[in-house]
Amino acid sequence: MSSTAIVRAGPFHPAALAAIHATGFPAGEAWSTGMIAGHMSMPGVFGFIDERGGMILGRVAADEAEILTLAVSPAVRRLGIAGALMRVAAGHAHASGAARLFLEVAETNEAALALYAGLGFETTGRRPDYYARGVDARLLCAALPLGG
């Protein structure tokens, strides 16, 4: 899959990012336009949007980066959008000086866990009851540049 549909998110994208985020998360867990705009105004935060229905936000601080959120609309899942967004974000983080990339994912999200494992992420810890409904978060880390 080509990354030609992926563009860097700017100050005019928070509403579009929030609309995608709302399709990818249960009610009450999706980030609002204001939350996304607030994150994007912070130092080191970057975002990318896939015009087909995917979004990612990340942050770089010194030699580390983290994925803040990633969402793909259900109608376009299984097309490689999440993997493409991860690769673009990881490339941006690496070019910005990050040597490692961190993220959190629900232990019940098998599709995401498989994606991240394929990209070279390894489990470094857990956060009990981190998500709604008592779901634990798995903490993952990968060296940059990404392998997979």
C-alpha atoms as a PDB file:
ATOM      1  CA  MET A   1       0.000   0.000   0.000  1.00  0.00           C
ATOM      2  CA  SER A   2       1.284   3.432  -0.884  1.00  0.00           C
ATOM      3  CA  SER A   3       1.397   6.235   1.638  1.00  0.00           C
ATOM      4  CA  THR A   4       0.241   8.765  -0.992  1.00  0.00           C
ATOM      5  CA  ALA A   5      -3.141   9.011   0.742  1.00  0.00           C
ATOM      6  CA  ILE A   6      -1.382  10.039   3.974  1.00  0.00           C
ATOM      7  CA  VAL A   7      -0.749  13.706   4.704  1.00  0.00           C
ATOM      8  CA  ARG A   8       0.692  15.544   7.669  1.00  0.00           C
ATOM      9  CA  ALA A   9      -2.077  16.846   9.905  1.00  0.00           C
ATOM     10  CA  GLY A  10      -2.068  20.552  10.578  1.00  0.00           C
ATOM     11  CA  PRO A  11      -4.081  23.067  12.588  1.00  0.00           C
ATOM     12  CA  PHE A  12      -7.027  22.744  10.190  1.00  0.00           C
ATOM     13  CA  HIS A  13      -7.356  18.946  10.679  1.00  0.00           C
ATOM     14  CA  PRO A  14      -8.585  18.401  14.299  1.00  0.00           C
ATOM     15  CA  ALA A  15     -12.253  18.073  13.299  1.00  0.00           C
ATOM     16  CA  ALA A  16     -11.432  15.522  10.591  1.00  0.00           C
ATOM     17  CA  LEU A  17      -9.158  13.620  12.966  1.00  0.00           C
ATOM     18  CA  ALA A  18     -11.864  13.612  15.648  1.00  0.00           C
ATOM     19  CA  ALA A  19     -14.464  12.353  13.149  1.00  0.00           C
ATOM     20  CA  ILE A  20     -12.229   9.403  12.257  1.00  0.00           C
ATOM     21  CA  HIS A  21     -11.395   8.794  15.911  1.00  0.00           C
ATOM     22  CA  ALA A  22     -15.122   8.667  16.745  1.00  0.00           C
ATOM     23  CA  THR A  23     -15.650   5.826  14.253  1.00  0.00           C
ATOM     24  CA  GLY A  24     -12.779   3.803  15.679  1.00  0.00           C
ATOM     25  CA  PHE A  25     -13.570   3.931  19.400  1.00  0.00           C
ATOM     26  CA  PRO A  26     -16.639   3.187  21.530  1.00  0.00           C
ATOM     27  CA  ALA A  27     -18.820   6.091  22.611  1.00  0.00           C
ATOM     28  CA  GLY A  28     -17.233   7.880  25.537  1.00  0.00           C
ATOM     29  CA  GLU A  29     -13.692   6.844  24.564  1.00  0.00           C
ATOM     30  CA  ALA A  30     -13.315   8.857  21.356  1.00  0.00           C
ATOM     31  CA  TRP A  31     -11.359  12.093  21.508  1.00  0.00           C
ATOM     32  CA  SER A  32     -13.187  15.337  20.763  1.00  0.00           C
ATOM     33  CA  THR A  33     -12.027  17.986  18.314  1.00  0.00           C
ATOM     34  CA  GLY A  34     -10.943  20.093  21.292  1.00  0.00           C
ATOM     35  CA  MET A  35      -8.910  17.268  22.804  1.00  0.00           C
ATOM     36  CA  ILE A  36      -7.143  16.614  19.506  1.00  0.00           C
ATOM     37  CA  ALA A  37      -6.515  20.328  18.912  1.00  0.00           C
ATOM     38  CA  GLY A  38      -5.146  20.608  22.453  1.00  0.00           C
ATOM     39  CA  HIS A  39      -2.746  17.728  21.896  1.00  0.00           C
ATOM     40  CA  MET A  40      -1.651  19.084  18.522  1.00  0.00           C
ATOM     41  CA  SER A  41      -0.742  22.417  20.114  1.00  0.00           C
ATOM     42  CA  MET A  42       1.756  20.750  22.479  1.00  0.00           C
ATOM     43  CA  PRO A  43       5.481  20.719  21.709  1.00  0.00           C
ATOM     44  CA  GLY A  44       6.664  17.647  19.847  1.00  0.00           C
ATOM     45  CA  VAL A  45       3.186  16.414  18.896  1.00  0.00           C
ATOM     46  CA  PHE A  46       2.598  15.426  15.288  1.00  0.00           C
ATOM     47  CA  GLY A  47      -0.242  13.846  13.375  1.00  0.00           C
ATOM     48  CA  PHE A  48      -1.018  12.223  10.074  1.00  0.00           C
ATOM     49  CA  ILE A  49      -4.323  11.584   8.354  1.00  0.00           C
ATOM     50  CA  ASP A  50      -5.148   9.037   5.680  1.00  0.00           C
ATOM     51  CA  GLU A  51      -7.817  10.445   3.410  1.00  0.00           C
ATOM     52  CA  ARG A  52      -9.492   7.023   3.248  1.00  0.00           C
ATOM     53  CA  GLY A  53     -10.303   7.116   6.977  1.00  0.00           C
ATOM     54  CA  GLY A  54      -7.308   6.740   9.259  1.00  0.00           C
ATOM     55  CA  MET A  55      -5.494   8.978  11.718  1.00  0.00           C
ATOM     56  CA  ILE A  56      -2.549   8.899  14.091  1.00  0.00           C
ATOM     57  CA  LEU A  57      -1.142  11.279  16.681  1.00  0.00           C
ATOM     58  CA  GLY A  58       2.287  10.937  18.237  1.00  0.00           C
ATOM     59  CA  ARG A  59       4.789  12.869  20.289  1.00  0.00           C
ATOM     60  CA  VAL A  60       8.575  13.114  20.253  1.00  0.00           C
ATOM     61  CA  ALA A  61      10.512  14.131  23.361  1.00  0.00           C
ATOM     62  CA  ALA A  62      14.305  13.929  23.223  1.00  0.00           C
ATOM     63  CA  ASP A  63      15.212  10.462  21.917  1.00  0.00           C
ATOM     64  CA  GLU A  64      11.840   8.830  22.634  1.00  0.00           C
ATOM     65  CA  ALA A  65       8.490   8.953  20.891  1.00  0.00           C
ATOM     66  CA  GLU A  66       5.049   7.641  21.682  1.00  0.00           C
ATOM     67  CA  ILE A  67       1.926   6.990  19.726  1.00  0.00           C
ATOM     68  CA  LEU A  68      -0.854   8.875  21.478  1.00  0.00           C
ATOM     69  CA  THR A  69      -3.702   7.428  19.440  1.00  0.00           C
ATOM     70  CA  LEU A  70      -4.390   5.599  16.209  1.00  0.00           C
ATOM     71  CA  ALA A  71      -7.787   4.989  14.624  1.00  0.00           C
ATOM     72  CA  VAL A  72      -9.049   3.543  11.367  1.00  0.00           C
ATOM     73  CA  SER A  73     -12.707   3.719  10.401  1.00  0.00           C
ATOM     74  CA  PRO A  74     -14.323   0.251  10.411  1.00  0.00           C
ATOM     75  CA  ALA A  75     -15.382   0.563   6.759  1.00  0.00           C
ATOM     76  CA  VAL A  76     -11.744   0.688   5.611  1.00  0.00           C
ATOM     77  CA  ARG A  77     -10.061  -1.674   8.055  1.00  0.00           C
ATOM     78  CA  ARG A  78      -7.907  -4.537   6.783  1.00  0.00           C
ATOM     79  CA  LEU A  79      -6.548  -2.373   3.927  1.00  0.00           C
ATOM     80  CA  GLY A  80      -3.150  -1.713   5.521  1.00  0.00           C
ATOM     81  CA  ILE A  81      -3.994   1.830   6.623  1.00  0.00           C
ATOM     82  CA  ALA A  82      -2.972   1.342  10.272  1.00  0.00           C
ATOM     83  CA  GLY A  83       0.360  -0.175   9.263  1.00  0.00           C
ATOM     84  CA  ALA A  84       1.026   2.608   6.777  1.00  0.00           C
ATOM     85  CA  LEU A  85       0.184   5.263   9.372  1.00  0.00           C
ATOM     86  CA  MET A  86       2.478   3.559  11.906  1.00  0.00           C
ATOM     87  CA  ARG A  87       5.351   3.454   9.411  1.00  0.00           C
ATOM     88  CA  VAL A  88       4.918   7.122   8.459  1.00  0.00           C
ATOM     89  CA  ALA A  89       4.672   8.203  12.104  1.00  0.00           C
ATOM     90  CA  ALA A  90       7.670   6.063  13.092  1.00  0.00           C
ATOM     91  CA  GLY A  91       9.682   7.498  10.196  1.00  0.00           C
ATOM     92  CA  HIS A  92       8.803  11.017  11.291  1.00  0.00           C
ATOM     93  CA  ALA A  93       9.716  10.236  14.905  1.00  0.00           C
ATOM     94  CA  HIS A  94      13.040   8.712  13.851  1.00  0.00           C
ATOM     95  CA  ALA A  95      13.837  11.691  11.611  1.00  0.00           C
ATOM     96  CA  SER A  96      13.069  13.910  14.616  1.00  0.00           C
ATOM     97  CA  GLY A  97      15.717  12.126  16.701  1.00  0.00           C
ATOM     98  CA  ALA A  98      13.742   9.384  18.447  1.00  0.00           C
ATOM     99  CA  ALA A  99      15.476   6.035  18.922  1.00  0.00           C
ATOM    100  CA  ARG A 100      12.493   4.214  20.485  1.00  0.00           C
ATOM    101  CA  LEU A 101       8.761   4.310  19.965  1.00  0.00           C
ATOM    102  CA  PHE A 102       6.275   3.473  22.730  1.00  0.00           C
ATOM    103  CA  LEU A 103       2.532   2.875  22.749  1.00  0.00           C
ATOM    104  CA  GLU A 104      -0.274   1.382  24.809  1.00  0.00           C
ATOM    105  CA  VAL A 105      -2.897  -0.996  23.481  1.00  0.00           C
ATOM    106  CA  ALA A 106      -5.829  -2.827  25.016  1.00  0.00           C
ATOM    107  CA  GLU A 107      -4.938  -6.443  25.732  1.00  0.00           C
ATOM    108  CA  THR A 108      -8.192  -7.436  24.046  1.00  0.00           C
ATOM    109  CA  ASN A 109      -7.300  -5.737  20.735  1.00  0.00           C
ATOM    110  CA  GLU A 110      -5.914  -8.775  18.939  1.00  0.00           C
ATOM    111  CA  ALA A 111      -5.715  -7.109  15.512  1.00  0.00           C
ATOM    112  CA  ALA A 112      -3.638  -4.225  16.878  1.00  0.00           C
ATOM    113  CA  LEU A 113      -1.407  -6.564  18.874  1.00  0.00           C
ATOM    114  CA  ALA A 114      -0.697  -8.562  15.710  1.00  0.00           C
ATOM    115  CA  LEU A 115       0.050  -5.387  13.749  1.00  0.00           C
ATOM    116  CA  TYR A 116       2.449  -4.091  16.379  1.00  0.00           C
ATOM    117  CA  ALA A 117       4.215  -7.443  16.745  1.00  0.00           C
ATOM    118  CA  GLY A 118       4.726  -7.485  12.979  1.00  0.00           C
ATOM    119  CA  LEU A 119       6.327  -4.044  13.185  1.00  0.00           C
ATOM    120  CA  GLY A 120       8.792  -5.192  15.849  1.00  0.00           C
ATOM    121  CA  PHE A 121       7.107  -4.014  19.048  1.00  0.00           C
ATOM    122  CA  GLU A 122       7.678  -5.978  22.242  1.00  0.00           C
ATOM    123  CA  THR A 123       5.727  -5.939  25.494  1.00  0.00           C
ATOM    124  CA  THR A 124       7.499  -3.966  28.218  1.00  0.00           C
ATOM    125  CA  GLY A 125       4.732  -3.826  30.836  1.00  0.00           C
ATOM    126  CA  ARG A 126       1.036  -3.677  31.664  1.00  0.00           C
ATOM    127  CA  ARG A 127      -1.378  -1.200  33.211  1.00  0.00           C
ATOM    128  CA  PRO A 128      -4.231  -2.965  35.025  1.00  0.00           C
ATOM    129  CA  ASP A 129      -7.746  -1.628  34.427  1.00  0.00           C
ATOM    130  CA  TYR A 130      -6.393   1.143  32.193  1.00  0.00           C
ATOM    131  CA  TYR A 131      -9.262   1.149  29.716  1.00  0.00           C
ATOM    132  CA  ALA A 132     -13.017   1.214  30.249  1.00  0.00           C
ATOM    133  CA  ARG A 133     -14.683  -2.031  31.248  1.00  0.00           C
ATOM    134  CA  GLY A 134     -11.593  -3.036  33.281  1.00  0.00           C
ATOM    135  CA  VAL A 135      -9.411  -3.872  30.271  1.00  0.00           C
ATOM    136  CA  ASP A 136      -5.669  -3.879  30.888  1.00  0.00           C
ATOM    137  CA  ALA A 137      -3.269  -1.931  28.695  1.00  0.00           C
ATOM    138  CA  ARG A 138      -0.195  -3.592  27.302  1.00  0.00           C
ATOM    139  CA  LEU A 139       2.836  -1.286  27.061  1.00  0.00           C
ATOM    140  CA  LEU A 140       4.854  -1.837  23.910  1.00  0.00           C
ATOM    141  CA  CYS A 141       8.187  -0.533  22.635  1.00  0.00           C
ATOM    142  CA  ALA A 142      10.112  -0.811  19.357  1.00  0.00           C
ATOM    143  CA  ALA A 143      13.503   0.415  18.276  1.00  0.00           C
ATOM    144  CA  LEU A 144      13.569   2.949  15.453  1.00  0.00           C
ATOM    145  CA  PRO A 145      13.695   2.703  12.545  1.00  0.00           C
ATOM    146  CA  LEU A 146      10.967   0.082  12.570  1.00  0.00           C
ATOM    147  CA  GLY A 147      11.739  -3.358  11.214  1.00  0.00           C
ATOM    148  CA  GLY A 148       8.612  -5.119   9.886  1.00  0.00           C
END
